[in-house]
């Protein structure tokens, strides 16, 4: 929401209420999606957890990444990710190969077995999305997607702005204004 000058106190209070409602609703929807995804994965019989599905999806979309790159992309610490990758490797779903450009690193790839899980995973996801979008018209879905894309772009712009303000060596959680 952009700032508009000359708001009355009542208008400012209404806007603050809308922002709170937006925040809580977004949080609730995210939480319900997580719970629904977990339930659908358990019911699918695929034998993978939501965290494993997140890692597998990242590898599927961007195969050939290092563990560090995957951790950064999905915002997971390297040690827990390493354990997840170990388990996925034991299950025959990923393989690690030497990085030809850096002999210290290994790249992570999907296996053929993992590829065979893509359609059943997407089937579970489609079911969840169909449930979430029940009763919402195609036009409303298009408006929702447009709004979500704008939210995403606003947040990516903010991330880039904050990254530009960060001092070299400072991590993302560090304060930029002192």
Foldseek 3Di string as FASTA:
>chain_A
DDDDPDDDPVRVVVVVVVVVVVVVVVVVVVVVLQVLLQVLVVVLPPPDGPVLVLLLVVCVVPFFAWLVVSCVVVVHDSVVSVVSVVVCVVVVQKDWAADPVDRVTTTIHGDVVNVVCVVSSVVSVVVSVCVVCPPPDPVNVVVVVVVVVVVVVVVVVVQVVQVVLDDPPDDPVDDSPD
